[in-house]
PDB file of all heavy atoms in Angstrom:
ATOM      1  N   LEU A   1     318.415 165.862 235.318  1.00  0.00           N
ATOM      2  CA  LEU A   1     317.554 167.090 235.403  1.00  0.00           C
ATOM      3  C   LEU A   1     318.065 168.180 234.533  1.00  0.00           C
ATOM      4  O   LEU A   1     317.322 168.882 233.865  1.00  0.00           O
ATOM      5  CB  LEU A   1     317.449 167.519 236.854  1.00  0.00           C
ATOM      6  CG  LEU A   1     316.728 166.549 237.833  1.00  0.00           C
ATOM      7  CD1 LEU A   1     316.854 166.923 239.277  1.00  0.00           C
ATOM      8  CD2 LEU A   1     315.252 166.395 237.423  1.00  0.00           C
ATOM      9  N   VAL A   2     319.392 168.386 234.509  1.00  0.00           N
ATOM     10  CA  VAL A   2     319.999 169.416 233.628  1.00  0.00           C
ATOM     11  C   VAL A   2     319.662 169.087 232.208  1.00  0.00           C
ATOM     12  O   VAL A   2     319.273 169.958 231.403  1.00  0.00           O
ATOM     13  CB  VAL A   2     321.493 169.475 233.897  1.00  0.00           C
ATOM     14  CG1 VAL A   2     322.193 170.344 232.783  1.00  0.00           C
ATOM     15  CG2 VAL A   2     321.812 169.997 235.250  1.00  0.00           C
ATOM     16  N   ALA A   3     319.822 167.821 231.823  1.00  0.00           N
ATOM     17  CA  ALA A   3     319.567 167.418 230.440  1.00  0.00           C
ATOM     18  C   ALA A   3     318.128 167.632 230.046  1.00  0.00           C
ATOM     19  O   ALA A   3     317.798 167.905 228.904  1.00  0.00           O
ATOM     20  CB  ALA A   3     319.958 165.935 230.276  1.00  0.00           C
ATOM     21  N   ALA A   4     317.174 167.504 231.030  1.00  0.00           N
ATOM     22  CA  ALA A   4     315.755 167.662 230.795  1.00  0.00           C
ATOM     23  C   ALA A   4     315.324 169.118 230.910  1.00  0.00           C
ATOM     24  O   ALA A   4     314.155 169.445 230.711  1.00  0.00           O
ATOM     25  CB  ALA A   4     314.953 166.758 231.724  1.00  0.00           C
ATOM     26  N   GLY A   5     316.250 170.003 231.289  1.00  0.00           N
ATOM     27  CA  GLY A   5     315.942 171.410 231.436  1.00  0.00           C
ATOM     28  C   GLY A   5     315.058 171.691 232.635  1.00  0.00           C
ATOM     29  O   GLY A   5     314.278 172.664 232.620  1.00  0.00           O
ATOM     30  N   ILE A   6     315.227 170.924 233.662  1.00  0.00           N
ATOM     31  CA  ILE A   6     314.416 171.084 234.920  1.00  0.00           C
ATOM     32  C   ILE A   6     315.229 171.740 236.054  1.00  0.00           C
ATOM     33  O   ILE A   6     316.361 171.326 236.293  1.00  0.00           O
ATOM     34  CB  ILE A   6     313.888 169.748 235.343  1.00  0.00           C
ATOM     35  CG1 ILE A   6     312.899 169.204 234.329  1.00  0.00           C
ATOM     36  CG2 ILE A   6     313.157 169.785 236.734  1.00  0.00           C
ATOM     37  CD1 ILE A   6     312.499 167.738 234.491  1.00  0.00           C
ATOM     38  N   SER A   7     314.646 172.721 236.648  1.00  0.00           N
ATOM     39  CA  SER A   7     315.320 173.400 237.748  1.00  0.00           C
ATOM     40  C   SER A   7     315.415 172.458 238.992  1.00  0.00           C
ATOM     41  O   SER A   7     314.503 171.676 239.234  1.00  0.00           O
ATOM     42  CB  SER A   7     314.517 174.717 238.117  1.00  0.00           C
ATOM     43  OG  SER A   7     315.176 175.290 239.238  1.00  0.00           O
ATOM     44  N   PHE A   8     316.524 172.532 239.750  1.00  0.00           N
ATOM     45  CA  PHE A   8     316.646 171.689 240.926  1.00  0.00           C
ATOM     46  C   PHE A   8     317.451 172.458 241.954  1.00  0.00           C
ATOM     47  O   PHE A   8     318.161 173.451 241.700  1.00  0.00           O
ATOM     48  CB  PHE A   8     317.333 170.372 240.588  1.00  0.00           C
ATOM     49  CG  PHE A   8     318.842 170.501 240.226  1.00  0.00           C
ATOM     50  CD1 PHE A   8     319.813 170.326 241.148  1.00  0.00           C
ATOM     51  CD2 PHE A   8     319.163 170.787 238.853  1.00  0.00           C
ATOM     52  CE1 PHE A   8     321.171 170.421 240.787  1.00  0.00           C
ATOM     53  CE2 PHE A   8     320.541 170.865 238.513  1.00  0.00           C
ATOM     54  CZ  PHE A   8     321.522 170.700 239.522  1.00  0.00           C
ATOM     55  N   GLU A   9     317.351 171.915 243.165  1.00  0.00           N
ATOM     56  CA  GLU A   9     318.082 172.413 244.359  1.00  0.00           C
ATOM     57  C   GLU A   9     318.648 171.229 245.142  1.00  0.00           C
ATOM     58  O   GLU A   9     317.904 170.227 245.260  1.00  0.00           O
ATOM     59  CB  GLU A   9     317.192 173.264 245.231  1.00  0.00           C
ATOM     60  CG  GLU A   9     317.845 173.796 246.548  1.00  0.00           C
ATOM     61  CD  GLU A   9     316.906 174.520 247.431  1.00  0.00           C
ATOM     62  OE1 GLU A   9     315.988 175.189 246.905  1.00  0.00           O
ATOM     63  OE2 GLU A   9     317.094 174.428 248.648  1.00  0.00           O
ATOM     64  N   VAL A  10     319.869 171.370 245.621  1.00  0.00           N
ATOM     65  CA  VAL A  10     320.464 170.310 246.412  1.00  0.00           C
ATOM     66  C   VAL A  10     320.407 170.693 247.882  1.00  0.00           C
ATOM     67  O   VAL A  10     320.887 171.816 248.249  1.00  0.00           O
ATOM     68  CB  VAL A  10     321.891 170.015 245.952  1.00  0.00           C
ATOM     69  CG1 VAL A  10     322.513 168.902 246.855  1.00  0.00           C
ATOM     70  CG2 VAL A  10     321.942 169.674 244.489  1.00  0.00           C
ATOM     71  N   VAL A  11     319.884 169.881 248.745  1.00  0.00           N
ATOM     72  CA  VAL A  11     319.823 170.111 250.163  1.00  0.00           C
ATOM     73  C   VAL A  11     320.681 169.004 250.791  1.00  0.00           C
ATOM     74  O   VAL A  11     320.234 167.850 250.907  1.00  0.00           O
ATOM     75  CB  VAL A  11     318.406 170.041 250.695  1.00  0.00           C
ATOM     76  CG1 VAL A  11     318.411 170.342 252.236  1.00  0.00           C
ATOM     77  CG2 VAL A  11     317.540 171.075 249.977  1.00  0.00           C
ATOM     78  N   PRO A  12     321.892 169.289 251.217  1.00  0.00           N
ATOM     79  CA  PRO A  12     322.784 168.283 251.798  1.00  0.00           C
ATOM     80  C   PRO A  12     322.184 167.655 253.025  1.00  0.00           C
ATOM     81  O   PRO A  12     321.425 168.246 253.751  1.00  0.00           O
ATOM     82  CB  PRO A  12     324.040 169.009 252.083  1.00  0.00           C
ATOM     83  CG  PRO A  12     324.015 170.247 251.205  1.00  0.00           C
ATOM     84  CD  PRO A  12     322.562 170.606 251.120  1.00  0.00           C
ATOM     85  N   GLY A  13     322.539 166.373 253.234  1.00  0.00           N
ATOM     86  CA  GLY A  13     322.126 165.708 254.440  1.00  0.00           C
ATOM     87  C   GLY A  13     323.395 165.246 255.256  1.00  0.00           C
ATOM     88  O   GLY A  13     324.514 165.292 254.666  1.00  0.00           O
ATOM     89  N   ILE A  14     323.191 164.823 256.458  1.00  0.00           N
ATOM     90  CA  ILE A  14     324.262 164.330 257.213  1.00  0.00           C
ATOM     91  C   ILE A  14     324.653 162.950 256.711  1.00  0.00           C
ATOM     92  O   ILE A  14     323.812 162.073 256.788  1.00  0.00           O
ATOM     93  CB  ILE A  14     323.997 164.323 258.726  1.00  0.00           C
ATOM     94  CG1 ILE A  14     323.689 165.744 259.226  1.00  0.00           C
ATOM     95  CG2 ILE A  14     325.135 163.711 259.504  1.00  0.00           C
ATOM     96  CD1 ILE A  14     323.264 165.793 260.696  1.00  0.00           C
ATOM     97  N   THR A  15     325.829 162.736 256.226  1.00  0.00           N
ATOM     98  CA  THR A  15     326.190 161.459 255.669  1.00  0.00           C
ATOM     99  C   THR A  15     326.443 160.420 256.766  1.00  0.00           C
ATOM    100  O   THR A  15     326.984 160.699 257.814  1.00  0.00           O
ATOM    101  CB  THR A  15     327.458 161.615 254.765  1.00  0.00           C
ATOM    102  OG1 THR A  15     327.714 160.364 254.143  1.00  0.00           O
ATOM    103  CG2 THR A  15     328.636 162.097 255.544  1.00  0.00           C
ATOM    104  N   SER A  16     326.081 159.146 256.421  1.00  0.00           N
ATOM    105  CA  SER A  16     326.191 158.095 257.449  1.00  0.00           C
ATOM    106  C   SER A  16     327.645 157.756 257.831  1.00  0.00           C
ATOM    107  O   SER A  16     327.874 157.275 258.924  1.00  0.00           O
ATOM    108  CB  SER A  16     325.529 156.840 256.886  1.00  0.00           C
ATOM    109  OG  SER A  16     326.065 156.447 255.674  1.00  0.00           O
ATOM    110  N   GLY A  17     328.613 158.048 256.898  1.00  0.00           N
ATOM    111  CA  GLY A  17     330.007 157.808 257.208  1.00  0.00           C
ATOM    112  C   GLY A  17     330.546 158.639 258.317  1.00  0.00           C
ATOM    113  O   GLY A  17     331.539 158.314 258.968  1.00  0.00           O
ATOM    114  N   ILE A  18     329.901 159.781 258.631  1.00  0.00           N
ATOM    115  CA  ILE A  18     330.246 160.615 259.721  1.00  0.00           C
ATOM    116  C   ILE A  18     329.337 160.424 260.972  1.00  0.00           C
ATOM    117  O   ILE A  18     329.781 160.281 262.113  1.00  0.00           O
ATOM    118  CB  ILE A  18     330.221 162.077 259.329  1.00  0.00           C
ATOM    119  CG1 ILE A  18     331.134 162.330 258.124  1.00  0.00           C
ATOM    120  CG2 ILE A  18     330.646 163.047 260.469  1.00  0.00           C
ATOM    121  CD1 ILE A  18     332.551 161.998 258.307  1.00  0.00           C
ATOM    122  N   ALA A  19     328.021 160.266 260.663  1.00  0.00           N
ATOM    123  CA  ALA A  19     327.078 160.173 261.757  1.00  0.00           C
ATOM    124  C   ALA A  19     327.085 158.817 262.433  1.00  0.00           C
ATOM    125  O   ALA A  19     327.060 158.772 263.668  1.00  0.00           O
ATOM    126  CB  ALA A  19     325.678 160.459 261.198  1.00  0.00           C
ATOM    127  N   ALA A  20     327.186 157.736 261.671  1.00  0.00           N
ATOM    128  CA  ALA A  20     327.182 156.448 262.305  1.00  0.00           C
ATOM    129  C   ALA A  20     328.349 156.173 263.257  1.00  0.00           C
ATOM    130  O   ALA A  20     328.135 155.812 264.426  1.00  0.00           O
ATOM    131  CB  ALA A  20     327.128 155.328 261.239  1.00  0.00           C
ATOM    132  N   PRO A  21     329.544 156.552 262.879  1.00  0.00           N
ATOM    133  CA  PRO A  21     330.693 156.498 263.851  1.00  0.00           C
ATOM    134  C   PRO A  21     330.494 157.357 265.099  1.00  0.00           C
ATOM    135  O   PRO A  21     330.744 156.963 266.217  1.00  0.00           O
ATOM    136  CB  PRO A  21     331.868 156.870 263.029  1.00  0.00           C
ATOM    137  CG  PRO A  21     331.526 156.636 261.659  1.00  0.00           C
ATOM    138  CD  PRO A  21     330.044 156.928 261.592  1.00  0.00           C
ATOM    139  N   ALA A  22     329.880 158.549 264.902  1.00  0.00           N
ATOM    140  CA  ALA A  22     329.707 159.460 266.010  1.00  0.00           C
ATOM    141  C   ALA A  22     328.709 158.832 266.998  1.00  0.00           C
ATOM    142  O   ALA A  22     328.857 158.947 268.219  1.00  0.00           O
ATOM    143  CB  ALA A  22     329.167 160.816 265.501  1.00  0.00           C
ATOM    144  N   TYR A  23     327.613 158.188 266.479  1.00  0.00           N
ATOM    145  CA  TYR A  23     326.659 157.544 267.343  1.00  0.00           C
ATOM    146  C   TYR A  23     327.174 156.285 267.988  1.00  0.00           C
ATOM    147  O   TYR A  23     326.638 155.845 268.946  1.00  0.00           O
ATOM    148  CB  TYR A  23     325.350 157.211 266.522  1.00  0.00           C
ATOM    149  CG  TYR A  23     324.372 158.382 266.516  1.00  0.00           C
ATOM    150  CD1 TYR A  23     324.722 159.649 266.133  1.00  0.00           C
ATOM    151  CD2 TYR A  23     323.028 158.182 266.828  1.00  0.00           C
ATOM    152  CE1 TYR A  23     323.835 160.657 266.084  1.00  0.00           C
ATOM    153  CE2 TYR A  23     322.103 159.145 266.831  1.00  0.00           C
ATOM    154  CZ  TYR A  23     322.509 160.448 266.430  1.00  0.00           C
ATOM    155  OH  TYR A  23     321.579 161.478 266.429  1.00  0.00           O
ATOM    156  N   ALA A  24     328.264 155.758 267.414  1.00  0.00           N
ATOM    157  CA  ALA A  24     328.900 154.613 268.036  1.00  0.00           C
ATOM    158  C   ALA A  24     330.019 154.987 268.953  1.00  0.00           C
ATOM    159  O   ALA A  24     330.750 154.099 269.485  1.00  0.00           O
ATOM    160  CB  ALA A  24     329.476 153.634 266.935  1.00  0.00           C
ATOM    161  N   GLY A  25     330.248 156.288 269.154  1.00  0.00           N
ATOM    162  CA  GLY A  25     331.295 156.721 270.077  1.00  0.00           C
ATOM    163  C   GLY A  25     332.706 156.705 269.358  1.00  0.00           C
ATOM    164  O   GLY A  25     333.693 156.600 270.089  1.00  0.00           O
ATOM    165  N   ILE A  26     332.720 156.850 268.062  1.00  0.00           N
ATOM    166  CA  ILE A  26     333.999 156.856 267.304  1.00  0.00           C
ATOM    167  C   ILE A  26     334.172 158.137 266.520  1.00  0.00           C
ATOM    168  O   ILE A  26     333.510 158.298 265.502  1.00  0.00           O
ATOM    169  CB  ILE A  26     334.038 155.612 266.385  1.00  0.00           C
ATOM    170  CG1 ILE A  26     333.830 154.282 267.136  1.00  0.00           C
ATOM    171  CG2 ILE A  26     335.358 155.589 265.596  1.00  0.00           C
ATOM    172  CD1 ILE A  26     333.632 153.087 266.230  1.00  0.00           C
ATOM    173  N   PRO A  27     334.996 159.052 267.019  1.00  0.00           N
ATOM    174  CA  PRO A  27     335.232 160.249 266.199  1.00  0.00           C
ATOM    175  C   PRO A  27     336.162 159.875 265.025  1.00  0.00           C
ATOM    176  O   PRO A  27     337.147 159.213 265.246  1.00  0.00           O
ATOM    177  CB  PRO A  27     335.920 161.201 267.157  1.00  0.00           C
ATOM    178  CG  PRO A  27     336.555 160.298 268.215  1.00  0.00           C
ATOM    179  CD  PRO A  27     335.657 159.034 268.287  1.00  0.00           C
ATOM    180  N   VAL A  28     335.823 160.255 263.828  1.00  0.00           N
ATOM    181  CA  VAL A  28     336.665 159.835 262.686  1.00  0.00           C
ATOM    182  C   VAL A  28     337.979 160.561 262.636  1.00  0.00           C
ATOM    183  O   VAL A  28     338.940 160.118 261.935  1.00  0.00           O
ATOM    184  CB  VAL A  28     335.881 159.988 261.322  1.00  0.00           C
ATOM    185  CG1 VAL A  28     334.755 159.015 261.289  1.00  0.00           C
ATOM    186  CG2 VAL A  28     335.418 161.386 261.109  1.00  0.00           C
ATOM    187  N   THR A  29     338.070 161.706 263.323  1.00  0.00           N
ATOM    188  CA  THR A  29     339.441 162.334 263.474  1.00  0.00           C
ATOM    189  C   THR A  29     339.629 162.655 264.977  1.00  0.00           C
ATOM    190  O   THR A  29     338.673 162.826 265.730  1.00  0.00           O
ATOM    191  CB  THR A  29     339.488 163.637 262.713  1.00  0.00           C
ATOM    192  OG1 THR A  29     338.568 164.591 263.168  1.00  0.00           O
ATOM    193  CG2 THR A  29     339.221 163.369 261.207  1.00  0.00           C
ATOM    194  N   HIS A  30     340.912 162.665 265.348  1.00  0.00           N
ATOM    195  CA  HIS A  30     341.242 162.985 266.696  1.00  0.00           C
ATOM    196  C   HIS A  30     342.696 163.382 266.716  1.00  0.00           C
ATOM    197  O   HIS A  30     343.557 162.681 266.136  1.00  0.00           O
ATOM    198  CB  HIS A  30     341.026 161.801 267.628  1.00  0.00           C
ATOM    199  CG  HIS A  30     341.123 162.034 269.069  1.00  0.00           C
ATOM    200  ND1 HIS A  30     342.348 162.243 269.713  1.00  0.00           N
ATOM    201  CD2 HIS A  30     340.109 162.147 270.059  1.00  0.00           C
ATOM    202  CE1 HIS A  30     342.111 162.452 271.001  1.00  0.00           C
ATOM    203  NE2 HIS A  30     340.821 162.409 271.219  1.00  0.00           N
ATOM    204  N   ARG A  31     343.042 164.509 267.387  1.00  0.00           N
ATOM    205  CA  ARG A  31     344.432 165.004 267.332  1.00  0.00           C
ATOM    206  C   ARG A  31     345.504 164.001 267.775  1.00  0.00           C
ATOM    207  O   ARG A  31     346.602 164.026 267.340  1.00  0.00           O
ATOM    208  CB  ARG A  31     344.560 166.228 268.188  1.00  0.00           C
ATOM    209  CG  ARG A  31     343.869 167.447 267.500  1.00  0.00           C
ATOM    210  CD  ARG A  31     344.187 168.743 268.219  1.00  0.00           C
ATOM    211  NE  ARG A  31     343.865 168.741 269.596  1.00  0.00           N
ATOM    212  CZ  ARG A  31     344.218 169.655 270.493  1.00  0.00           C
ATOM    213  NH1 ARG A  31     344.959 170.697 270.105  1.00  0.00           N
ATOM    214  NH2 ARG A  31     343.826 169.630 271.722  1.00  0.00           N
ATOM    215  N   GLU A  32     345.109 163.094 268.726  1.00  0.00           N
ATOM    216  CA  GLU A  32     346.077 162.161 269.204  1.00  0.00           C
ATOM    217  C   GLU A  32     346.078 160.866 268.409  1.00  0.00           C
ATOM    218  O   GLU A  32     346.878 159.873 268.681  1.00  0.00           O
ATOM    219  CB  GLU A  32     345.763 161.842 270.671  1.00  0.00           C
ATOM    220  CG  GLU A  32     345.939 163.059 271.605  1.00  0.00           C
ATOM    221  CD  GLU A  32     345.611 162.715 273.001  1.00  0.00           C
ATOM    222  OE1 GLU A  32     345.404 161.569 273.325  1.00  0.00           O
ATOM    223  OE2 GLU A  32     345.596 163.671 273.906  1.00  0.00           O
ATOM    224  N   HIS A  33     345.201 160.736 267.359  1.00  0.00           N
ATOM    225  CA  HIS A  33     345.108 159.484 266.622  1.00  0.00           C
ATOM    226  C   HIS A  33     345.346 159.753 265.178  1.00  0.00           C
ATOM    227  O   HIS A  33     346.175 159.042 264.474  1.00  0.00           O
ATOM    228  CB  HIS A  33     343.755 158.845 266.820  1.00  0.00           C
ATOM    229  CG  HIS A  33     343.596 158.250 268.205  1.00  0.00           C
ATOM    230  ND1 HIS A  33     343.777 156.920 268.514  1.00  0.00           N
ATOM    231  CD2 HIS A  33     343.178 158.846 269.346  1.00  0.00           C
ATOM    232  CE1 HIS A  33     343.558 156.733 269.751  1.00  0.00           C
ATOM    233  NE2 HIS A  33     343.207 157.894 270.307  1.00  0.00           N
ATOM    234  N   CYS A  34     344.632 160.698 264.526  1.00  0.00           N
ATOM    235  CA  CYS A  34     344.854 160.948 263.111  1.00  0.00           C
ATOM    236  C   CYS A  34     344.255 162.294 262.721  1.00  0.00           C
ATOM    237  O   CYS A  34     343.340 162.761 263.411  1.00  0.00           O
ATOM    238  CB  CYS A  34     344.160 159.832 262.273  1.00  0.00           C
ATOM    239  SG  CYS A  34     342.332 159.864 262.312  1.00  0.00           S
ATOM    240  N   SER A  35     344.745 162.832 261.678  1.00  0.00           N
ATOM    241  CA  SER A  35     344.278 164.097 261.140  1.00  0.00           C
ATOM    242  C   SER A  35     343.793 163.982 259.732  1.00  0.00           C
ATOM    243  O   SER A  35     343.690 164.964 259.006  1.00  0.00           O
ATOM    244  CB  SER A  35     345.343 165.192 261.229  1.00  0.00           C
ATOM    245  OG  SER A  35     346.458 164.763 260.576  1.00  0.00           O
ATOM    246  N   GLN A  36     343.498 162.747 259.357  1.00  0.00           N
ATOM    247  CA  GLN A  36     343.050 162.474 258.028  1.00  0.00           C
ATOM    248  C   GLN A  36     342.030 161.391 257.987  1.00  0.00           C
ATOM    249  O   GLN A  36     342.088 160.449 258.708  1.00  0.00           O
ATOM    250  CB  GLN A  36     344.263 161.979 257.096  1.00  0.00           C
ATOM    251  CG  GLN A  36     343.908 161.647 255.704  1.00  0.00           C
ATOM    252  CD  GLN A  36     345.147 161.094 254.945  1.00  0.00           C
ATOM    253  OE1 GLN A  36     346.207 161.552 255.207  1.00  0.00           O
ATOM    254  NE2 GLN A  36     344.893 160.173 254.034  1.00  0.00           N
ATOM    255  N   VAL A  37     340.970 161.610 257.181  1.00  0.00           N
ATOM    256  CA  VAL A  37     339.910 160.619 257.056  1.00  0.00           C
ATOM    257  C   VAL A  37     339.595 160.433 255.535  1.00  0.00           C
ATOM    258  O   VAL A  37     339.554 161.441 254.802  1.00  0.00           O
ATOM    259  CB  VAL A  37     338.649 161.002 257.823  1.00  0.00           C
ATOM    260  CG1 VAL A  37     338.099 162.310 257.416  1.00  0.00           C
ATOM    261  CG2 VAL A  37     337.617 159.903 257.737  1.00  0.00           C
TER     262      VAL A  37
END
């Protein structure tokens, strides 16, 4: 779009790598398990 000279806007979405684990009952970080993902 930049190369074509077209204006654009980015609207972020909730990424599946965070949402899918949350819906499966798996927090990707936890103070007693890890502080890095």
